[in-house]
Every structure is written in structure tokens, then in C-alpha cells.
C-alpha atoms as a PDB file:
ATOM      1  CA  MET A   1      15.915  10.065  -0.594  1.00  0.00           C
ATOM      2  CA  VAL A   2      12.145  11.241  -0.277  1.00  0.00           C
ATOM      3  CA  THR A   3      11.931  13.527  -3.366  1.00  0.00           C
ATOM      4  CA  LYS A   4      13.751  10.995  -5.521  1.00  0.00           C
ATOM      5  CA  MET A   5      10.541   8.568  -5.324  1.00  0.00           C
ATOM      6  CA  PHE A   6       8.058  11.021  -5.292  1.00  0.00           C
ATOM      7  CA  PRO A   7       8.688  10.905  -9.548  1.00  0.00           C
ATOM      8  CA  TRP A   8       8.576   7.110  -9.335  1.00  0.00           C
ATOM      9  CA  TRP A   9       5.544   6.771  -6.991  1.00  0.00           C
ATOM     10  CA  SER A  10       3.666   9.985  -8.908  1.00  0.00           C
ATOM     11  CA  ALA A  11       4.202   7.470 -12.407  1.00  0.00           C
ATOM     12  CA  GLN A  12       2.420   4.768 -10.863  1.00  0.00           C
ATOM     13  CA  GLN A  13      -0.952   6.780 -10.124  1.00  0.00           C
ATOM     14  CA  SER A  14      -3.532   5.851 -12.376  1.00  0.00           C
ATOM     15  CA  LYS A  15      -3.468   9.738 -13.640  1.00  0.00           C
ATOM     16  CA  PRO A  16       0.326  10.862 -13.250  1.00  0.00           C
ATOM     17  CA  LEU A  17       0.636  14.028 -10.547  1.00  0.00           C
ATOM     18  CA  THR A  18       3.836  14.619 -13.039  1.00  0.00           C
ATOM     19  CA  ASN A  19       5.413  14.318 -16.175  1.00  0.00           C
ATOM     20  CA  THR A  20       7.812  11.577 -15.273  1.00  0.00           C
ATOM     21  CA  PRO A  21      10.510  10.788 -17.603  1.00  0.00           C
ATOM     22  CA  VAL A  22      10.122   6.830 -18.358  1.00  0.00           C
ATOM     23  CA  ASN A  23      13.332   6.516 -18.422  1.00  0.00           C
ATOM     24  CA  TYR A  24      13.711   8.452 -14.516  1.00  0.00           C
ATOM     25  CA  ASN A  25      16.647   7.624 -13.507  1.00  0.00           C
ATOM     26  CA  PHE A  26      16.009   8.560  -9.952  1.00  0.00           C
ATOM     27  CA  SER A  27      18.853  11.276 -10.199  1.00  0.00           C
ATOM     28  CA  ASP A  28      18.408  14.848  -9.688  1.00  0.00           C
ATOM     29  CA  LYS A  29      21.318  16.224 -12.314  1.00  0.00           C
ATOM     30  CA  GLU A  30      20.405  13.353 -14.682  1.00  0.00           C
ATOM     31  CA  ASN A  31      16.945  13.844 -15.353  1.00  0.00           C
ATOM     32  CA  ASN A  32      17.112  17.469 -14.891  1.00  0.00           C
ATOM     33  CA  TYR A  33      13.548  16.841 -13.219  1.00  0.00           C
ATOM     34  CA  LEU A  34      11.723  19.470 -11.596  1.00  0.00           C
ATOM     35  CA  PHE A  35       7.811  19.670 -10.025  1.00  0.00           C
ATOM     36  CA  LYS A  36       5.896  22.887  -8.801  1.00  0.00           C
ATOM     37  CA  LEU A  37       4.859  22.022  -5.200  1.00  0.00           C
ATOM     38  CA  GLU A  38       1.907  24.601  -6.064  1.00  0.00           C
ATOM     39  CA  SER A  39       0.509  22.278  -8.227  1.00  0.00           C
ATOM     40  CA  ILE A  40       1.026  18.831  -5.707  1.00  0.00           C
ATOM     41  CA  SER A  41      -2.423  19.069  -3.877  1.00  0.00           C
ATOM     42  CA  LYS A  42      -2.056  18.459  -0.063  1.00  0.00           C
ATOM     43  CA  SER A  43      -3.862  15.377   0.034  1.00  0.00           C
ATOM     44  CA  THR A  44      -1.532  14.206  -2.722  1.00  0.00           C
ATOM     45  CA  VAL A  45       1.352  14.671  -0.094  1.00  0.00           C
ATOM     46  CA  THR A  46      -0.761  12.549   2.793  1.00  0.00           C
ATOM     47  CA  GLU A  47      -1.210   9.860   0.431  1.00  0.00           C
ATOM     48  CA  TYR A  48       2.935   9.436  -0.075  1.00  0.00           C
ATOM     49  CA  HIS A  49       3.863  10.760   3.213  1.00  0.00           C
ATOM     50  CA  LYS A  50       1.812   7.568   4.335  1.00  0.00           C
ATOM     51  CA  ILE A  51       4.324   5.256   2.454  1.00  0.00           C
ATOM     52  CA  TRP A  52       6.826   6.990   4.298  1.00  0.00           C
ATOM     53  CA  THR A  53       5.460   6.728   7.892  1.00  0.00           C
ATOM     54  CA  ASP A  54       5.073   2.587   7.506  1.00  0.00           C
ATOM     55  CA  LEU A  55       8.960   3.070   6.684  1.00  0.00           C
ATOM     56  CA  TYR A  56      10.005   4.591   9.390  1.00  0.00           C
ATOM     57  CA  ARG A  57       7.968   2.707  11.579  1.00  0.00           C
ATOM     58  CA  CYS A  58       9.215  -0.234   9.946  1.00  0.00           C
ATOM     59  CA  LEU A  59      12.937   0.859  10.708  1.00  0.00           C
ATOM     60  CA  THR A  60      12.594   1.957  14.021  1.00  0.00           C
ATOM     61  CA  GLN A  61      10.184  -0.074  15.789  1.00  0.00           C
ATOM     62  CA  GLY A  62      12.381  -3.256  13.594  1.00  0.00           C
ATOM     63  CA  GLU A  63      16.058  -2.203  14.774  1.00  0.00           C
ATOM     64  CA  PRO A  64      18.086  -3.302  11.842  1.00  0.00           C
ATOM     65  CA  LYS A  65      21.206  -4.435  13.478  1.00  0.00           C
ATOM     66  CA  SER A  66      23.425  -2.504  10.518  1.00  0.00           C
ATOM     67  CA  LYS A  67      22.888   0.985   8.740  1.00  0.00           C
ATOM     68  CA  LEU A  68      20.335  -0.091   5.332  1.00  0.00           C
ATOM     69  CA  LYS A  69      21.691   0.799   1.964  1.00  0.00           C
ATOM     70  CA  LEU A  70      20.125   3.361  -0.205  1.00  0.00           C
ATOM     71  CA  SER A  71      18.809   0.778  -2.636  1.00  0.00           C
ATOM     72  CA  THR A  72      17.526  -1.120   0.453  1.00  0.00           C
ATOM     73  CA  VAL A  73      15.402   1.394   1.441  1.00  0.00           C
ATOM     74  CA  PHE A  74      13.859   1.641  -1.776  1.00  0.00           C
ATOM     75  CA  ASN A  75      13.388  -1.418  -1.962  1.00  0.00           C
ATOM     76  CA  LEU A  76      11.388  -1.269   1.203  1.00  0.00           C
ATOM     77  CA  PHE A  77       9.661   1.272  -0.076  1.00  0.00           C
ATOM     78  CA  TYR A  78       8.368  -0.548  -3.395  1.00  0.00           C
ATOM     79  CA  TYR A  79       7.383  -3.451  -0.880  1.00  0.00           C
ATOM     80  CA  ILE A  80       5.420  -0.741   1.321  1.00  0.00           C
ATOM     81  CA  TYR A  81       3.659   0.791  -1.634  1.00  0.00           C
ATOM     82  CA  LYS A  82       2.651  -2.612  -3.328  1.00  0.00           C
ATOM     83  CA  PHE A  83       0.925  -3.839  -0.189  1.00  0.00           C
ATOM     84  CA  SER A  84      -0.704  -1.088   0.590  1.00  0.00           C
ATOM     85  CA  GLU A  85      -1.625   0.839  -2.773  1.00  0.00           C
ATOM     86  CA  GLU A  86      -0.777  -1.111  -5.698  1.00  0.00           C
ATOM     87  CA  GLY A  87      -2.251  -4.527  -3.762  1.00  0.00           C
ATOM     88  CA  ILE A  88      -1.766  -8.262  -4.193  1.00  0.00           C
ATOM     89  CA  ALA A  89      -4.431 -10.218  -6.423  1.00  0.00           C
ATOM     90  CA  GLY A  90      -7.295  -6.978  -6.281  1.00  0.00           C
ATOM     91  CA  LYS A  91      -6.634  -6.740  -2.144  1.00  0.00           C
ATOM     92  CA  LYS A  92      -5.070  -3.766  -0.543  1.00  0.00           C
ATOM     93  CA  PHE A  93      -2.882  -4.644   2.840  1.00  0.00           C
ATOM     94  CA  SER A  94      -2.378  -2.520   5.935  1.00  0.00           C
ATOM     95  CA  ILE A  95       1.212  -3.335   7.625  1.00  0.00           C
ATOM     96  CA  GLU A  96      -0.233  -4.704  11.418  1.00  0.00           C
ATOM     97  CA  VAL A  97       3.185  -6.079  13.106  1.00  0.00           C
ATOM     98  CA  TYR A  98       6.360  -3.550  12.026  1.00  0.00           C
ATOM     99  CA  ASP A  99       9.139  -4.883  13.027  1.00  0.00           C
ATOM    100  CA  ASP A 100       8.029  -8.022  11.681  1.00  0.00           C
ATOM    101  CA  PHE A 101       7.085  -6.877   8.243  1.00  0.00           C
ATOM    102  CA  LEU A 102      10.636  -5.321   8.417  1.00  0.00           C
ATOM    103  CA  HIS A 103      12.531  -8.568   9.322  1.00  0.00           C
ATOM    104  CA  LYS A 104      10.536 -10.571   6.782  1.00  0.00           C
ATOM    105  CA  PHE A 105      11.898  -8.331   4.108  1.00  0.00           C
ATOM    106  CA  LEU A 106      15.226  -8.476   5.424  1.00  0.00           C
ATOM    107  CA  LYS A 107      15.469 -11.844   5.417  1.00  0.00           C
ATOM    108  CA  SER A 108      13.808 -11.707   1.750  1.00  0.00           C
ATOM    109  CA  GLU A 109      16.088  -9.367   0.338  1.00  0.00           C
ATOM    110  CA  ASP A 110      18.812 -12.013   1.079  1.00  0.00           C
ATOM    111  CA  ASP A 111      17.419 -14.444  -0.295  1.00  0.00           C
ATOM    112  CA  ARG A 112      16.781 -13.065  -3.704  1.00  0.00           C
ATOM    113  CA  LYS A 113      20.560 -11.585  -3.375  1.00  0.00           C
ATOM    114  CA  GLU A 114      21.905 -15.383  -2.620  1.00  0.00           C
ATOM    115  CA  LYS A 115      19.156 -16.786  -5.765  1.00  0.00           C
ATOM    116  CA  ASP A 116      21.172 -15.563  -8.614  1.00  0.00           C
ATOM    117  CA  PHE A 117      24.295 -14.444  -7.203  1.00  0.00           C
ATOM    118  CA  TYR A 118      25.528 -17.317  -9.412  1.00  0.00           C
ATOM    119  CA  VAL A 119      24.412 -18.660 -12.764  1.00  0.00           C
ATOM    120  CA  ARG A 120      23.150 -21.925 -13.021  1.00  0.00           C
ATOM    121  CA  ASP A 121      21.927 -24.379 -15.417  1.00  0.00           C
ATOM    122  CA  THR A 122      18.404 -25.200 -16.734  1.00  0.00           C
ATOM    123  CA  LYS A 123      18.144 -27.925 -13.767  1.00  0.00           C
ATOM    124  CA  GLY A 124      19.189 -25.122 -11.283  1.00  0.00           C
ATOM    125  CA  LYS A 125      23.049 -26.478 -10.934  1.00  0.00           C
ATOM    126  CA  TYR A 126      25.825 -23.898 -10.201  1.00  0.00           C
ATOM    127  CA  LYS A 127      27.753 -23.544 -13.887  1.00  0.00           C
ATOM    128  CA  LEU A 128      31.901 -23.989 -13.298  1.00  0.00           C
ATOM    129  CA  GLN A 129      34.604 -22.341 -15.081  1.00  0.00           C
ATOM    130  CA  ASN A 130      38.131 -23.744 -14.343  1.00  0.00           C
ATOM    131  CA  GLY A 131      36.440 -25.274 -11.114  1.00  0.00           C
ATOM    132  CA  GLU A 132      34.963 -21.980  -9.865  1.00  0.00           C
ATOM    133  CA  GLN A 133      31.234 -21.311  -9.936  1.00  0.00           C
ATOM    134  CA  ILE A 134      30.512 -17.636 -12.560  1.00  0.00           C
ATOM    135  CA  GLU A 135      29.251 -14.647 -10.944  1.00  0.00           C
ATOM    136  CA  ASP A 136      25.754 -13.577 -12.928  1.00  0.00           C
ATOM    137  CA  HIS A 137      26.667  -9.869 -13.754  1.00  0.00           C
ATOM    138  CA  ASN A 138      22.515  -9.868 -14.096  1.00  0.00           C
ATOM    139  CA  SER A 139      21.829 -10.489 -10.721  1.00  0.00           C
ATOM    140  CA  TYR A 140      19.640  -9.229  -8.400  1.00  0.00           C
ATOM    141  CA  SER A 141      22.594  -8.165  -5.912  1.00  0.00           C
ATOM    142  CA  LYS A 142      24.331  -6.220  -8.626  1.00  0.00           C
ATOM    143  CA  LYS A 143      20.937  -4.656  -9.878  1.00  0.00           C
ATOM    144  CA  CYS A 144      20.859  -3.292  -6.020  1.00  0.00           C
ATOM    145  CA  LYS A 145      24.460  -1.652  -6.323  1.00  0.00           C
ATOM    146  CA  THR A 146      23.170   1.046  -8.237  1.00  0.00           C
ATOM    147  CA  THR A 147      19.493   2.444  -8.081  1.00  0.00           C
ATOM    148  CA  ASN A 148      18.294   3.568 -11.767  1.00  0.00           C
ATOM    149  CA  HIS A 149      15.618   2.850 -14.238  1.00  0.00           C
ATOM    150  CA  LYS A 150      17.143   0.014 -15.774  1.00  0.00           C
ATOM    151  CA  ASN A 151      17.888  -2.337 -12.514  1.00  0.00           C
ATOM    152  CA  PHE A 152      14.769  -0.938 -10.537  1.00  0.00           C
ATOM    153  CA  LEU A 153      12.336  -2.454 -12.733  1.00  0.00           C
ATOM    154  CA  VAL A 154      14.176  -5.731 -12.704  1.00  0.00           C
ATOM    155  CA  ARG A 155      14.099  -5.408  -8.485  1.00  0.00           C
ATOM    156  CA  ILE A 156      10.479  -5.104  -9.199  1.00  0.00           C
ATOM    157  CA  LYS A 157      10.014  -7.992 -11.106  1.00  0.00           C
ATOM    158  CA  LYS A 158      11.486 -10.256  -8.945  1.00  0.00           C
ATOM    159  CA  MET A 159      10.345  -8.430  -5.572  1.00  0.00           C
ATOM    160  CA  LYS A 160       6.988  -8.985  -7.285  1.00  0.00           C
ATOM    161  CA  GLU A 161       7.526 -12.804  -7.128  1.00  0.00           C
ATOM    162  CA  ASP A 162       8.399 -13.095  -3.954  1.00  0.00           C
ATOM    163  CA  ILE A 163       5.725 -10.857  -2.471  1.00  0.00           C
ATOM    164  CA  HIS A 164       3.045 -12.896  -3.946  1.00  0.00           C
ATOM    165  CA  ASN A 165       4.333 -16.375  -2.436  1.00  0.00           C
ATOM    166  CA  ASP A 166       4.873 -15.002   0.816  1.00  0.00           C
ATOM    167  CA  TYR A 167       1.891 -12.517   1.015  1.00  0.00           C
ATOM    168  CA  GLN A 168      -0.427 -15.391   2.359  1.00  0.00           C
ATOM    169  CA  THR A 169       2.286 -16.385   5.144  1.00  0.00           C
ATOM    170  CA  LEU A 170       2.113 -12.753   6.327  1.00  0.00           C
ATOM    171  CA  LEU A 171      -1.531 -12.327   6.134  1.00  0.00           C
ATOM    172  CA  ASN A 172      -2.249 -15.733   7.956  1.00  0.00           C
ATOM    173  CA  GLU A 173       0.508 -14.598  10.626  1.00  0.00           C
ATOM    174  CA  GLY A 174      -1.029 -11.140  11.509  1.00  0.00           C
ATOM    175  CA  THR A 175       2.299  -9.042  10.325  1.00  0.00           C
ATOM    176  CA  ILE A 176      -0.023  -7.419   7.647  1.00  0.00           C
ATOM    177  CA  LYS A 177      -4.269  -6.965   7.306  1.00  0.00           C
ATOM    178  CA  GLU A 178      -6.222  -6.592   4.458  1.00  0.00           C
ATOM    179  CA  LYS A 179      -7.990  -3.358   4.210  1.00  0.00           C
ATOM    180  CA  GLY A 180     -11.778  -2.757   3.553  1.00  0.00           C
ATOM    181  CA  SER A 181     -13.019  -0.705   0.481  1.00  0.00           C
ATOM    182  CA  ARG A 182     -15.841   1.941   0.065  1.00  0.00           C
ATOM    183  CA  LYS A 183     -15.934   1.274  -3.473  1.00  0.00           C
ATOM    184  CA  SER A 184     -19.854   0.237  -4.121  1.00  0.00           C
ATOM    185  CA  ASN A 185     -22.241   0.942  -6.574  1.00  0.00           C
ATOM    186  CA  LEU A 186     -25.359   0.992  -3.513  1.00  0.00           C
ATOM    187  CA  THR A 187     -26.950   4.287  -3.295  1.00  0.00           C
ATOM    188  CA  THR A 188     -28.450   6.116  -0.985  1.00  0.00           C
ATOM    189  CA  TYR A 189     -32.115   4.172  -1.853  1.00  0.00           C
ATOM    190  CA  ASP A 190     -30.241   0.360  -1.582  1.00  0.00           C
ATOM    191  CA  VAL A 191     -29.194   1.200   1.815  1.00  0.00           C
ATOM    192  CA  ALA A 192     -32.682   2.944   3.129  1.00  0.00           C
ATOM    193  CA  ALA A 193     -34.654   0.217   1.705  1.00  0.00           C
ATOM    194  CA  ALA A 194     -32.072  -2.433   3.298  1.00  0.00           C
ATOM    195  CA  ASN A 195     -33.111  -1.213   6.686  1.00  0.00           C
ATOM    196  CA  ASP A 196     -37.162  -0.384   6.268  1.00  0.00           C
ATOM    197  CA  PHE A 197     -36.448   3.244   5.599  1.00  0.00           C
ATOM    198  CA  LYS A 198     -35.228   3.806   8.841  1.00  0.00           C
ATOM    199  CA  ASP A 199     -31.771   5.696   9.731  1.00  0.00           C
ATOM    200  CA  GLY A 200     -29.163   4.580  11.780  1.00  0.00           C
ATOM    201  CA  ARG A 201     -30.942   6.145  15.096  1.00  0.00           C
ATOM    202  CA  GLY A 202     -34.245   4.139  14.154  1.00  0.00           C
ATOM    203  CA  ARG A 203     -35.984   7.452  12.604  1.00  0.00           C
ATOM    204  CA  SER A 204     -37.417   7.402   9.413  1.00  0.00           C
ATOM    205  CA  ILE A 205     -36.509   8.297   6.157  1.00  0.00           C
ATOM    206  CA  THR A 206     -37.769  10.203   3.146  1.00  0.00           C
ATOM    207  CA  ALA A 207     -38.515  10.146   0.027  1.00  0.00           C
ATOM    208  CA  GLU A 208     -37.319  14.275   0.188  1.00  0.00           C
ATOM    209  CA  ASP A 209     -34.304  12.442   1.999  1.00  0.00           C
ATOM    210  CA  ILE A 210     -33.416  10.310  -0.547  1.00  0.00           C
ATOM    211  CA  TYR A 211     -33.924  12.636  -3.347  1.00  0.00           C
ATOM    212  CA  SER A 212     -33.924  16.106  -2.513  1.00  0.00           C
ATOM    213  CA  LYS A 213     -31.542  18.742  -1.457  1.00  0.00           C
ATOM    214  CA  LYS A 214     -33.509  19.892   0.693  1.00  0.00           C
ATOM    215  CA  GLY A 215     -33.598  16.541   2.846  1.00  0.00           C
ATOM    216  CA  LYS A 216     -31.426  15.537   5.787  1.00  0.00           C
ATOM    217  CA  ASN A 217     -27.770  14.881   4.124  1.00  0.00           C
ATOM    218  CA  PHE A 218     -26.818  11.254   4.974  1.00  0.00           C
ATOM    219  CA  GLN A 219     -23.932   9.384   4.843  1.00  0.00           C
ATOM    220  CA  ILE A 220     -23.245   5.347   4.468  1.00  0.00           C
ATOM    221  CA  ASP A 221     -21.894   4.070   7.993  1.00  0.00           C
ATOM    222  CA  GLU A 222     -20.832   0.701   8.247  1.00  0.00           C
ATOM    223  CA  ASP A 223     -20.909  -1.606  11.085  1.00  0.00           C
ATOM    224  CA  LYS A 224     -17.356  -2.918  10.526  1.00  0.00           C
ATOM    225  CA  PRO A 225     -15.253   0.019   9.556  1.00  0.00           C
ATOM    226  CA  VAL A 226     -12.670  -0.323   6.232  1.00  0.00           C
ATOM    227  CA  SER A 227      -9.810   0.293   8.083  1.00  0.00           C
ATOM    228  CA  GLN A 228     -11.031  -2.942  10.405  1.00  0.00           C
ATOM    229  CA  GLY A 229     -11.256  -5.135   7.045  1.00  0.00           C
ATOM    230  CA  GLY A 230     -15.026  -3.841   6.248  1.00  0.00           C
ATOM    231  CA  LYS A 231     -16.349  -3.357   3.099  1.00  0.00           C
ATOM    232  CA  ARG A 232     -19.498  -1.162   1.231  1.00  0.00           C
ATOM    233  CA  GLU A 233     -21.930  -4.309   0.957  1.00  0.00           C
ATOM    234  CA  LEU A 234     -24.886  -5.438   1.930  1.00  0.00           C
ATOM    235  CA  LYS A 235     -24.299  -9.160   2.494  1.00  0.00           C
ATOM    236  CA  SER A 236     -21.173  -8.587   4.549  1.00  0.00           C
ATOM    237  CA  ASN A 237     -21.351  -5.777   6.355  1.00  0.00           C
ATOM    238  CA  LYS A 238     -24.620  -4.112   7.950  1.00  0.00           C
ATOM    239  CA  LEU A 239     -24.850  -0.441   6.602  1.00  0.00           C
ATOM    240  CA  SER A 240     -26.895   1.888   7.849  1.00  0.00           C
ATOM    241  CA  LEU A 241     -27.669   5.689   6.640  1.00  0.00           C
ATOM    242  CA  LEU A 242     -26.647   8.570   9.124  1.00  0.00           C
ATOM    243  CA  GLU A 243     -26.415  12.278   9.286  1.00  0.00           C
ATOM    244  CA  GLN A 244     -23.307  13.629   8.964  1.00  0.00           C
ATOM    245  CA  THR A 245     -22.702  15.226  12.612  1.00  0.00           C
ATOM    246  CA  ASP A 246     -24.212  12.031  13.698  1.00  0.00           C
ATOM    247  CA  ASN A 247     -21.989   9.978  11.608  1.00  0.00           C
ATOM    248  CA  THR A 248     -18.825  11.978  12.880  1.00  0.00           C
ATOM    249  CA  GLY A 249     -19.742  11.683  16.484  1.00  0.00           C
ATOM    250  CA  LYS A 250     -19.793   7.601  15.830  1.00  0.00           C
ATOM    251  CA  PHE A 251     -16.422   8.073  14.701  1.00  0.00           C
ATOM    252  CA  ASN A 252     -14.665   9.639  17.175  1.00  0.00           C
ATOM    253  CA  TYR A 253     -16.204   7.682  20.111  1.00  0.00           C
ATOM    254  CA  LYS A 254     -15.352   4.890  18.751  1.00  0.00           C
ATOM    255  CA  GLN A 255     -11.982   6.302  18.094  1.00  0.00           C
ATOM    256  CA  LYS A 256     -11.999   7.108  22.278  1.00  0.00           C
ATOM    257  CA  VAL A 257     -12.591   3.527  23.497  1.00  0.00           C
ATOM    258  CA  ASN A 258     -10.257   2.336  20.999  1.00  0.00           C
ATOM    259  CA  LYS A 259      -7.613   4.509  22.574  1.00  0.00           C
ATOM    260  CA  SER A 260      -8.767   3.925  25.977  1.00  0.00           C
ATOM    261  CA  ALA A 261      -8.860  -0.087  25.184  1.00  0.00           C
END
């Protein structure tokens, strides 16, 4: 399952990592799909592994009463990818309460399956044939029977609609948390000037430090870490410059404090 999802995930990246067929059907035999492990960087594997780690935590902490179907696991993978990587309305989110995230996801799955299982008219009423409701052969439930390229696209479209409608509730309830961002046009000079050319320890920053390789190697440090929703911008976050060893030491200290709290 892990290897079957990798080609699809790879194709979603800004620079696809592999030559995934456009109609990739999640089947090694059908597509004769191969990729060389040596061509995949360790950082890529780490990023992909993060989604599966989140998925594993959802399952182990959420403890579903019955074994999930493969299609449901694939859909859960997409949910986690959508929140944590692709983002919603320009924002990305981390899962804070894994069991709650799983339970909300499973309920939304059942809601989607129930919503269009039978054919409805333009007013939302069930159409009848010989007095009985008519099953919709293009329903979400039918598309979950088999995971292939066409069916997964239909499922994604319907999942996206619900995610956009529901993510604010998950955010308000604390189930998810907005991620911060280090994307910024700020330069070392900008941060130095904002701090009267003093580093995070109060020491003077020289022109050599800013413009020459001979100077100190400064890193931009966020007072509110990106992992806690902080952004690399001066208007909403206190930024300073720290040498790499100081910045690493500060990070390690915070990690110890958080673990002991």
C-alpha cells in the first residue's frame, strides 16, 4: 500500500520526482511502474514518511472498531496530504488530536456515501422506479469499490468539497492547528536593522557579518516557532539573528523544556 501511493504523491509535487503515468491506476502489474530507489533523496522519503506517520497515529490512537477497507485508508491518506501538504485556502495544518481527526474523517466518509447513494432530482428528492429508490452508479460509495485513476479523481473532488466546508470547525475545536511559514523576502539586513544591528544575544552586528563570508554566519530566529504557527515576518513575529551554534542550542533547550512540561 505504501509503495502504491508513492507514485501518486510524487505526481502532486511541484517538481514530480518520478515519471508517473497520467492514468496511474495504483496497480504495479497494470502499469508496469518502476522507479529507482537511488534516484529518490532521503529528504523526499522523509516527507512522504510524515504522512504515513500521521496516518499510523490516527489509526493507533483512534482505534477504529472494524478493519478499514483499502479505499478508506487511501482516502485518509489524501485527507492528511490535503491538510498538511497541499493546504486549504493558502494555509497548511498539522493534526493535533489524532483520534478526533480519524473519527471526524470516518463520519464524513459515511456522510459522503449516504449523500449520493441514490439518484436525486434537482430538488434533492429521491427518484423512484417502480416505487423504489434508484442506486446511483456514479456515487461516492461505488467509486470506493475500486481504487483506480478515474475513481480516485471522483473521490478527491467530493472529499475536497467537504474539507473546505469542515476545516474551520476542526480548527476551532483544536483538532488541527495552522502551520507557520518560513517563506519570506526578508534579508539578514532587514532583521538586523529592525533590531538596531544587535543579534539575539545583544552583540553588535557589523557590515562584514551581513555582506562578507568572513563575517559571522547568522540565521534568522523566530520568537514564535513555525511549528507553533509562527511566520517569518516582522509585523507579527519577533525576529532576531543568531549564529548557527546559538540557534541550535536555543532549539535544543526549547525541546527539553517542552518534553519536561
